[in-house]
């Protein structure tokens, strides 16, 4: 087991977590890299190495991740590409600075006019054109500028 955070479930004092963070760790060869049962607070588990450059395995947020598994209440994007390495995420919202593994998640969180950069090498679990939840007509959905999808020459998508 990597890092486990558990809230007490019976016979506990009144203390509660006010924040949870674990970054800069080299997590590999564990069943879970980070697991938490704290339901009232999301844990910041960004900037960790998960045992593989594809990041941690999460069934919906990073199904292509080959590293240690992460529980659903832990934020893990961006992660490191190696132990002590550089951060990896596939997409970044320029306005907010937020990082995303899945393009659809980046689009869902974007406001009209936001620019989404393709900054990572993948894996890209999506194969279809992203849908814009704020689109009012086909012509106002999204503008896409194509380019190579890797760090150094990012593609951009403007919502």
N, C-alpha and C. Protein backbone atom coordinates (compact mmCIF):
# COMPACT_ATOMS: atom_id res chain seq x y z
N UNK A 1 0.84 -1.18 0.00
CA UNK A 1 0.00 0.00 0.00
C UNK A 1 0.89 1.23 0.00
N UNK A 2 0.48 2.22 -0.75
CA UNK A 2 1.19 3.49 -0.80
C UNK A 2 0.78 4.39 0.36
N UNK A 3 -0.06 5.40 0.08
CA UNK A 3 -0.52 6.35 1.10
C UNK A 3 -2.01 6.10 1.33
N UNK A 4 -2.39 5.90 2.59
CA UNK A 4 -3.79 5.72 2.94
C UNK A 4 -4.21 6.81 3.92
N UNK A 5 -5.34 7.44 3.64
CA UNK A 5 -5.91 8.44 4.53
C UNK A 5 -7.30 7.96 4.90
N UNK A 6 -7.54 7.78 6.20
CA UNK A 6 -8.84 7.29 6.65
C UNK A 6 -9.44 8.19 7.69
N UNK A 7 -10.73 8.51 7.50
CA UNK A 7 -11.46 9.21 8.54
C UNK A 7 -12.00 8.17 9.51
N UNK A 8 -12.02 8.51 10.76
CA UNK A 8 -12.53 7.60 11.78
C UNK A 8 -14.03 7.44 11.58
N UNK A 9 -14.53 6.23 11.73
CA UNK A 9 -15.94 5.96 11.48
C UNK A 9 -16.75 5.64 12.73
N UNK A 10 -16.10 5.38 13.86
CA UNK A 10 -16.85 5.16 15.11
C UNK A 10 -15.94 5.40 16.30
N UNK A 11 -16.50 5.90 17.40
CA UNK A 11 -15.74 6.16 18.62
C UNK A 11 -14.64 7.18 18.43
N UNK A 12 -14.92 8.23 17.66
CA UNK A 12 -13.90 9.20 17.29
C UNK A 12 -14.01 10.49 18.09
N UNK A 13 -12.89 11.21 18.18
CA UNK A 13 -12.92 12.57 18.69
C UNK A 13 -13.60 13.44 17.64
N UNK A 14 -13.79 14.70 17.93
CA UNK A 14 -14.51 15.58 17.01
C UNK A 14 -13.62 16.19 15.94
N UNK A 15 -12.35 15.87 15.91
CA UNK A 15 -11.44 16.44 14.92
C UNK A 15 -11.73 15.98 13.50
N UNK A 16 -11.53 16.88 12.54
CA UNK A 16 -11.72 16.55 11.13
C UNK A 16 -10.54 17.10 10.33
N UNK A 17 -10.31 16.51 9.17
CA UNK A 17 -9.30 17.04 8.27
C UNK A 17 -9.81 18.34 7.66
N UNK A 18 -8.94 19.33 7.53
CA UNK A 18 -9.32 20.56 6.84
C UNK A 18 -8.69 20.63 5.45
N UNK A 19 -7.64 19.88 5.23
CA UNK A 19 -7.05 19.73 3.90
C UNK A 19 -6.21 18.47 3.88
N UNK A 20 -6.07 17.91 2.67
CA UNK A 20 -5.27 16.71 2.50
C UNK A 20 -4.42 16.87 1.26
N UNK A 21 -3.11 16.67 1.40
CA UNK A 21 -2.22 16.79 0.25
C UNK A 21 -1.03 15.86 0.42
N UNK A 22 -0.63 15.26 -0.69
CA UNK A 22 0.57 14.43 -0.73
C UNK A 22 1.15 14.56 -2.12
N UNK A 23 2.22 15.31 -2.28
CA UNK A 23 2.84 15.53 -3.58
C UNK A 23 4.33 15.29 -3.53
N UNK A 24 4.92 15.04 -4.70
CA UNK A 24 6.35 14.83 -4.78
C UNK A 24 6.79 13.45 -4.33
N UNK A 25 5.87 12.49 -4.32
CA UNK A 25 6.18 11.14 -3.88
C UNK A 25 6.44 10.22 -5.06
N UNK A 26 7.22 9.18 -4.83
CA UNK A 26 7.46 8.15 -5.82
C UNK A 26 6.68 6.91 -5.39
N UNK A 27 5.51 6.74 -6.02
CA UNK A 27 4.59 5.66 -5.65
C UNK A 27 4.62 4.61 -6.75
N UNK A 28 5.04 3.41 -6.42
CA UNK A 28 5.05 2.34 -7.42
C UNK A 28 5.02 0.98 -6.73
N UNK A 29 4.52 0.00 -7.47
CA UNK A 29 4.41 -1.37 -6.98
C UNK A 29 3.51 -1.51 -5.76
N UNK A 30 2.45 -0.68 -5.72
CA UNK A 30 1.45 -0.75 -4.66
C UNK A 30 0.11 -1.11 -5.27
N UNK A 31 -0.76 -1.72 -4.48
CA UNK A 31 -2.13 -1.93 -4.94
C UNK A 31 -2.77 -0.58 -5.20
N UNK A 32 -2.69 0.31 -4.25
CA UNK A 32 -3.12 1.71 -4.39
C UNK A 32 -1.93 2.61 -4.13
N UNK A 33 -1.72 3.61 -4.99
CA UNK A 33 -0.71 4.62 -4.71
C UNK A 33 -1.20 5.54 -3.61
N UNK A 34 -2.46 6.02 -3.76
CA UNK A 34 -3.13 6.80 -2.72
C UNK A 34 -4.58 6.35 -2.65
N UNK A 35 -5.02 6.08 -1.42
CA UNK A 35 -6.42 5.73 -1.19
C UNK A 35 -6.91 6.50 0.01
N UNK A 36 -8.12 7.04 -0.11
CA UNK A 36 -8.71 7.82 0.97
C UNK A 36 -10.19 7.49 1.08
N UNK A 37 -10.70 7.42 2.30
CA UNK A 37 -12.13 7.25 2.50
C UNK A 37 -12.77 8.53 3.02
N UNK A 38 -12.04 9.62 3.02
CA UNK A 38 -12.57 10.91 3.46
C UNK A 38 -13.53 11.40 2.39
N UNK A 39 -14.82 11.46 2.74
CA UNK A 39 -15.84 11.77 1.74
C UNK A 39 -16.21 13.25 1.70
N UNK A 40 -15.85 14.03 2.69
CA UNK A 40 -16.24 15.43 2.73
C UNK A 40 -15.17 16.37 2.16
N UNK A 41 -14.06 15.81 1.69
CA UNK A 41 -12.93 16.61 1.26
C UNK A 41 -12.14 15.86 0.20
N UNK A 42 -11.85 16.49 -0.92
CA UNK A 42 -11.00 15.86 -1.93
C UNK A 42 -9.54 16.05 -1.55
N UNK A 43 -8.76 15.01 -1.75
CA UNK A 43 -7.34 15.06 -1.44
C UNK A 43 -6.56 15.53 -2.66
N UNK A 44 -5.56 16.37 -2.44
CA UNK A 44 -4.66 16.80 -3.51
C UNK A 44 -3.51 15.79 -3.58
N UNK A 45 -3.53 14.97 -4.62
CA UNK A 45 -2.48 13.98 -4.84
C UNK A 45 -1.71 14.25 -6.12
N UNK A 46 -1.60 15.54 -6.49
CA UNK A 46 -0.90 15.91 -7.72
C UNK A 46 0.61 15.90 -7.52
N UNK A 47 1.33 15.94 -8.63
CA UNK A 47 2.80 16.02 -8.65
C UNK A 47 3.46 14.78 -8.05
N UNK A 48 2.85 13.61 -8.23
CA UNK A 48 3.42 12.35 -7.78
C UNK A 48 3.81 11.48 -8.97
N UNK A 49 4.78 10.62 -8.78
CA UNK A 49 5.13 9.56 -9.74
C UNK A 49 4.35 8.34 -9.31
N UNK A 50 3.63 7.71 -10.26
CA UNK A 50 2.73 6.61 -9.94
C UNK A 50 3.25 5.26 -10.41
N UNK A 51 4.50 5.20 -10.86
CA UNK A 51 5.08 3.93 -11.31
C UNK A 51 5.05 3.75 -12.82
N UNK A 52 4.39 4.69 -13.54
CA UNK A 52 4.35 4.64 -15.00
C UNK A 52 4.06 6.05 -15.51
N UNK A 53 4.66 6.41 -16.63
CA UNK A 53 4.47 7.75 -17.19
C UNK A 53 3.03 8.01 -17.63
N UNK A 54 2.23 6.96 -17.81
CA UNK A 54 0.81 7.12 -18.17
C UNK A 54 -0.04 7.53 -16.96
N UNK A 55 0.56 7.57 -15.78
CA UNK A 55 -0.14 8.01 -14.58
C UNK A 55 -0.82 6.88 -13.83
N UNK A 56 -1.55 7.24 -12.79
CA UNK A 56 -2.21 6.21 -11.99
C UNK A 56 -3.41 5.64 -12.72
N UNK A 57 -3.76 4.42 -12.38
CA UNK A 57 -4.98 3.84 -12.92
C UNK A 57 -6.16 4.38 -12.14
N UNK A 58 -7.16 4.89 -12.85
CA UNK A 58 -8.46 5.25 -12.27
C UNK A 58 -9.49 4.85 -13.32
N UNK A 59 -10.52 4.07 -12.95
CA UNK A 59 -11.42 3.50 -13.95
C UNK A 59 -12.13 4.50 -14.84
N UNK A 60 -12.41 5.72 -14.36
CA UNK A 60 -13.11 6.69 -15.21
C UNK A 60 -12.25 7.89 -15.57
N UNK A 61 -11.36 8.32 -14.70
CA UNK A 61 -10.58 9.53 -14.95
C UNK A 61 -9.28 9.28 -15.70
N UNK A 62 -8.73 8.08 -15.61
CA UNK A 62 -7.51 7.72 -16.33
C UNK A 62 -7.47 6.21 -16.56
N UNK A 63 -8.41 5.70 -17.38
CA UNK A 63 -8.48 4.25 -17.58
C UNK A 63 -7.26 3.67 -18.28
N UNK A 64 -6.46 4.50 -18.97
CA UNK A 64 -5.26 4.02 -19.62
C UNK A 64 -4.03 4.08 -18.73
N UNK A 65 -4.20 4.53 -17.49
CA UNK A 65 -3.07 4.63 -16.57
C UNK A 65 -2.55 3.26 -16.18
N UNK A 66 -1.26 3.06 -16.29
CA UNK A 66 -0.63 1.78 -15.97
C UNK A 66 0.08 1.79 -14.62
N UNK A 67 0.03 2.93 -13.93
CA UNK A 67 0.67 3.04 -12.62
C UNK A 67 -0.23 2.54 -11.51
N UNK A 68 0.17 2.78 -10.27
CA UNK A 68 -0.62 2.39 -9.11
C UNK A 68 -2.02 2.99 -9.19
N UNK A 69 -2.98 2.30 -8.61
CA UNK A 69 -4.36 2.78 -8.63
C UNK A 69 -4.54 3.94 -7.64
N UNK A 70 -5.51 4.81 -7.93
CA UNK A 70 -5.84 5.93 -7.06
C UNK A 70 -7.35 5.89 -6.81
N UNK A 71 -7.77 6.23 -5.58
CA UNK A 71 -9.20 6.21 -5.28
C UNK A 71 -9.88 7.45 -5.87
N UNK A 72 -11.20 7.41 -5.95
CA UNK A 72 -11.97 8.44 -6.64
C UNK A 72 -11.97 9.80 -6.01
N UNK A 73 -11.62 9.94 -4.77
CA UNK A 73 -11.66 11.23 -4.10
C UNK A 73 -10.29 11.87 -3.99
N UNK A 74 -9.39 11.52 -4.90
CA UNK A 74 -8.03 12.07 -4.92
C UNK A 74 -7.77 12.71 -6.28
N UNK A 75 -7.45 14.01 -6.30
CA UNK A 75 -7.06 14.69 -7.54
C UNK A 75 -5.61 14.30 -7.84
N UNK A 76 -5.32 13.90 -9.08
CA UNK A 76 -3.97 13.40 -9.39
C UNK A 76 -3.35 14.02 -10.63
N UNK A 77 -4.02 14.92 -11.31
CA UNK A 77 -3.50 15.56 -12.52
C UNK A 77 -2.99 16.95 -12.17
N UNK A 78 -1.77 17.33 -12.51
CA UNK A 78 -0.78 16.58 -13.25
C UNK A 78 0.00 15.63 -12.35
N UNK A 79 0.57 14.60 -12.99
CA UNK A 79 1.46 13.67 -12.30
C UNK A 79 2.85 13.82 -12.90
N UNK A 80 3.82 13.14 -12.31
CA UNK A 80 5.20 13.21 -12.79
C UNK A 80 5.48 12.10 -13.79
N UNK A 81 6.35 12.37 -14.77
CA UNK A 81 6.67 11.38 -15.81
C UNK A 81 7.72 10.37 -15.37
N UNK A 82 8.30 10.57 -14.20
CA UNK A 82 9.29 9.66 -13.64
C UNK A 82 9.46 10.06 -12.18
N UNK A 83 10.09 9.22 -11.40
CA UNK A 83 10.34 9.56 -10.01
C UNK A 83 11.28 10.78 -9.98
N UNK A 84 10.77 11.89 -9.46
CA UNK A 84 11.53 13.14 -9.46
C UNK A 84 11.51 13.85 -10.80
N UNK A 85 10.64 13.42 -11.72
CA UNK A 85 10.62 13.95 -13.09
C UNK A 85 9.75 15.18 -13.29
N UNK A 86 9.31 15.35 -14.52
CA UNK A 86 8.51 16.51 -14.94
C UNK A 86 7.03 16.19 -14.88
N UNK A 87 6.18 17.23 -14.71
CA UNK A 87 4.74 17.00 -14.66
C UNK A 87 4.15 16.61 -16.01
N UNK A 88 3.12 15.77 -15.96
CA UNK A 88 2.40 15.34 -17.17
C UNK A 88 0.91 15.56 -16.95
N UNK A 89 0.30 16.13 -17.94
CA UNK A 89 -1.16 16.20 -18.06
C UNK A 89 -1.40 16.30 -19.56
N UNK A 90 -2.55 15.89 -20.01
CA UNK A 90 -2.82 15.94 -21.44
C UNK A 90 -3.33 17.29 -21.91
N UNK A 91 -4.08 17.99 -21.04
CA UNK A 91 -4.71 19.24 -21.44
C UNK A 91 -4.63 20.26 -20.31
N UNK A 92 -4.57 21.55 -20.69
CA UNK A 92 -4.57 22.62 -19.70
C UNK A 92 -5.46 23.75 -20.17
N UNK A 93 -6.29 24.27 -19.26
CA UNK A 93 -7.10 25.46 -19.53
C UNK A 93 -6.22 26.67 -19.26
N UNK A 94 -5.99 27.48 -20.28
CA UNK A 94 -5.08 28.63 -20.16
C UNK A 94 -5.59 29.63 -19.13
N UNK A 95 -6.90 29.90 -19.12
CA UNK A 95 -7.46 30.91 -18.21
C UNK A 95 -7.33 30.49 -16.75
N UNK A 96 -7.68 29.24 -16.43
CA UNK A 96 -7.69 28.80 -15.03
C UNK A 96 -6.38 28.18 -14.58
N UNK A 97 -5.59 27.70 -15.54
CA UNK A 97 -4.37 26.97 -15.19
C UNK A 97 -4.65 25.53 -14.82
N UNK A 98 -5.92 25.08 -14.89
CA UNK A 98 -6.30 23.71 -14.52
C UNK A 98 -5.76 22.68 -15.50
N UNK A 99 -5.40 21.52 -14.98
CA UNK A 99 -4.88 20.41 -15.78
C UNK A 99 -5.92 19.31 -15.86
N UNK A 100 -5.93 18.59 -17.00
CA UNK A 100 -6.92 17.54 -17.23
C UNK A 100 -6.28 16.37 -17.95
N UNK A 101 -6.75 15.17 -17.64
CA UNK A 101 -6.35 13.98 -18.37
C UNK A 101 -7.21 13.81 -19.61
N UNK A 102 -8.52 14.01 -19.46
CA UNK A 102 -9.47 13.82 -20.56
C UNK A 102 -9.89 15.15 -21.16
N UNK A 103 -9.91 15.24 -22.49
CA UNK A 103 -10.32 16.45 -23.18
C UNK A 103 -11.75 16.83 -22.82
N UNK A 104 -12.65 15.86 -22.73
CA UNK A 104 -14.05 16.18 -22.42
C UNK A 104 -14.16 16.85 -21.06
N UNK A 105 -13.36 16.44 -20.07
CA UNK A 105 -13.38 17.08 -18.76
C UNK A 105 -12.94 18.54 -18.87
N UNK A 106 -11.92 18.80 -19.69
CA UNK A 106 -11.45 20.17 -19.89
C UNK A 106 -12.53 21.02 -20.55
N UNK A 107 -13.22 20.46 -21.53
CA UNK A 107 -14.29 21.18 -22.23
C UNK A 107 -15.46 21.43 -21.28
N UNK A 108 -15.82 20.43 -20.49
CA UNK A 108 -16.94 20.58 -19.55
C UNK A 108 -16.70 21.70 -18.54
N UNK A 109 -15.45 21.91 -18.13
CA UNK A 109 -15.14 22.94 -17.14
C UNK A 109 -14.86 24.30 -17.77
N UNK A 110 -14.77 24.37 -19.09
CA UNK A 110 -14.40 25.62 -19.76
C UNK A 110 -15.58 26.58 -19.89
N UNK A 111 -15.24 27.86 -19.92
CA UNK A 111 -16.21 28.90 -20.22
C UNK A 111 -16.05 29.29 -21.68
N UNK A 112 -17.05 29.96 -22.24
CA UNK A 112 -16.98 30.42 -23.62
C UNK A 112 -15.73 31.28 -23.81
N UNK A 113 -14.95 30.99 -24.83
CA UNK A 113 -13.74 31.74 -25.11
C UNK A 113 -12.48 31.18 -24.48
N UNK A 114 -12.60 30.21 -23.56
CA UNK A 114 -11.42 29.61 -22.94
C UNK A 114 -10.60 28.86 -23.99
N UNK A 115 -9.30 28.82 -23.78
CA UNK A 115 -8.40 28.06 -24.64
C UNK A 115 -7.89 26.86 -23.88
N UNK A 116 -8.01 25.69 -24.51
CA UNK A 116 -7.51 24.44 -23.94
C UNK A 116 -6.29 24.02 -24.75
N UNK A 117 -5.16 23.84 -24.07
CA UNK A 117 -3.94 23.40 -24.74
C UNK A 117 -3.77 21.90 -24.60
N UNK A 118 -3.35 21.24 -25.66
CA UNK A 118 -2.93 19.84 -25.59
C UNK A 118 -1.46 19.87 -25.23
N UNK A 119 -1.13 19.44 -24.01
CA UNK A 119 0.24 19.57 -23.53
C UNK A 119 0.92 18.25 -23.28
N UNK A 120 0.17 17.15 -23.27
CA UNK A 120 0.76 15.86 -22.92
C UNK A 120 0.85 14.90 -24.07
N UNK A 121 1.60 13.85 -23.88
CA UNK A 121 1.78 12.85 -24.92
C UNK A 121 0.69 11.79 -24.95
N UNK A 122 -0.30 11.87 -24.08
CA UNK A 122 -1.33 10.84 -23.98
C UNK A 122 -1.02 9.94 -22.80
N UNK A 123 -1.71 8.83 -22.62
CA UNK A 123 -2.63 8.23 -23.56
C UNK A 123 -3.94 9.02 -23.64
N UNK A 124 -4.52 9.06 -24.83
CA UNK A 124 -5.79 9.73 -25.03
C UNK A 124 -6.87 8.66 -25.12
N UNK A 125 -7.71 8.58 -24.11
CA UNK A 125 -8.74 7.55 -24.04
C UNK A 125 -9.91 7.88 -24.96
N UNK A 126 -10.03 9.13 -25.40
CA UNK A 126 -11.15 9.54 -26.23
C UNK A 126 -10.78 9.42 -27.71
N UNK A 127 -11.79 9.12 -28.52
CA UNK A 127 -11.54 9.04 -29.96
C UNK A 127 -12.54 9.85 -30.76
N UNK A 128 -13.49 10.51 -30.08
CA UNK A 128 -14.50 11.28 -30.79
C UNK A 128 -14.31 12.77 -30.56
N UNK A 129 -15.02 13.57 -31.34
CA UNK A 129 -14.97 15.02 -31.19
C UNK A 129 -15.66 15.39 -29.88
N UNK A 130 -15.03 16.23 -29.05
CA UNK A 130 -15.66 16.58 -27.77
C UNK A 130 -16.93 17.39 -28.00
N UNK A 131 -17.87 17.23 -27.10
CA UNK A 131 -19.11 18.01 -27.18
C UNK A 131 -19.01 19.19 -26.23
N UNK A 132 -19.58 20.30 -26.61
CA UNK A 132 -19.56 21.48 -25.77
C UNK A 132 -20.88 21.60 -25.03
N UNK A 133 -20.86 21.57 -23.70
CA UNK A 133 -22.12 21.64 -22.95
C UNK A 133 -22.77 23.01 -23.06
N UNK A 134 -22.03 24.02 -23.48
CA UNK A 134 -22.56 25.38 -23.55
C UNK A 134 -22.91 25.82 -24.97
N UNK A 135 -22.79 24.93 -25.94
CA UNK A 135 -23.04 25.29 -27.33
C UNK A 135 -24.53 25.54 -27.56
N UNK A 136 -24.84 26.62 -28.27
CA UNK A 136 -26.23 26.93 -28.57
C UNK A 136 -26.57 26.63 -30.03
N UNK A 137 -25.55 26.51 -30.86
CA UNK A 137 -25.76 26.13 -32.25
C UNK A 137 -24.49 25.48 -32.75
N UNK A 138 -24.57 24.71 -33.85
CA UNK A 138 -23.36 24.04 -34.34
C UNK A 138 -22.23 25.02 -34.62
N UNK A 139 -22.53 26.22 -35.07
CA UNK A 139 -21.47 27.18 -35.41
C UNK A 139 -20.83 27.79 -34.17
N UNK A 140 -21.48 27.69 -33.01
CA UNK A 140 -20.90 28.28 -31.80
C UNK A 140 -20.31 27.26 -30.86
N UNK A 141 -20.19 26.00 -31.31
CA UNK A 141 -19.74 24.96 -30.39
C UNK A 141 -18.27 25.12 -30.00
N UNK A 142 -17.34 25.00 -30.94
CA UNK A 142 -15.92 25.10 -30.62
C UNK A 142 -15.13 25.41 -31.86
N UNK A 143 -14.03 26.09 -31.67
CA UNK A 143 -13.07 26.26 -32.76
C UNK A 143 -11.84 25.45 -32.41
N UNK A 144 -11.36 24.66 -33.34
CA UNK A 144 -10.21 23.79 -33.09
C UNK A 144 -9.07 24.18 -34.00
N UNK A 145 -7.90 24.37 -33.42
CA UNK A 145 -6.69 24.59 -34.19
C UNK A 145 -5.85 23.35 -34.04
N UNK A 146 -5.53 22.71 -35.13
CA UNK A 146 -4.81 21.44 -35.03
C UNK A 146 -3.31 21.65 -34.95
N UNK A 147 -2.64 20.66 -34.47
CA UNK A 147 -1.18 20.67 -34.34
C UNK A 147 -0.75 19.41 -33.63
N UNK A 148 0.54 19.19 -33.51
CA UNK A 148 1.01 17.98 -32.84
C UNK A 148 0.65 17.99 -31.37
N UNK A 149 0.29 16.83 -30.86
CA UNK A 149 -0.14 16.72 -29.46
C UNK A 149 1.01 16.26 -28.58
N UNK A 150 1.94 17.15 -28.34
CA UNK A 150 3.01 16.84 -27.41
C UNK A 150 3.54 18.13 -26.83
N UNK A 151 4.24 18.00 -25.69
CA UNK A 151 4.80 19.18 -25.05
C UNK A 151 5.77 19.87 -26.00
N UNK A 152 5.74 21.21 -25.98
CA UNK A 152 6.62 21.98 -26.83
C UNK A 152 5.89 22.53 -28.05
N UNK A 153 4.94 21.81 -28.61
CA UNK A 153 4.13 22.28 -29.72
C UNK A 153 2.67 21.92 -29.46
N UNK A 154 2.03 22.62 -28.53
CA UNK A 154 0.68 22.21 -28.16
C UNK A 154 -0.36 22.54 -29.22
N UNK A 155 -1.38 21.68 -29.29
CA UNK A 155 -2.58 21.99 -30.05
C UNK A 155 -3.45 22.84 -29.16
N UNK A 156 -4.36 23.61 -29.76
CA UNK A 156 -5.27 24.42 -28.95
C UNK A 156 -6.70 24.18 -29.38
N UNK A 157 -7.60 24.34 -28.44
CA UNK A 157 -9.01 24.26 -28.69
C UNK A 157 -9.61 25.46 -27.98
N UNK A 158 -10.40 26.26 -28.67
CA UNK A 158 -11.06 27.40 -28.05
C UNK A 158 -12.55 27.12 -27.98
N UNK A 159 -13.11 27.22 -26.77
CA UNK A 159 -14.54 26.94 -26.60
C UNK A 159 -15.36 28.16 -26.91
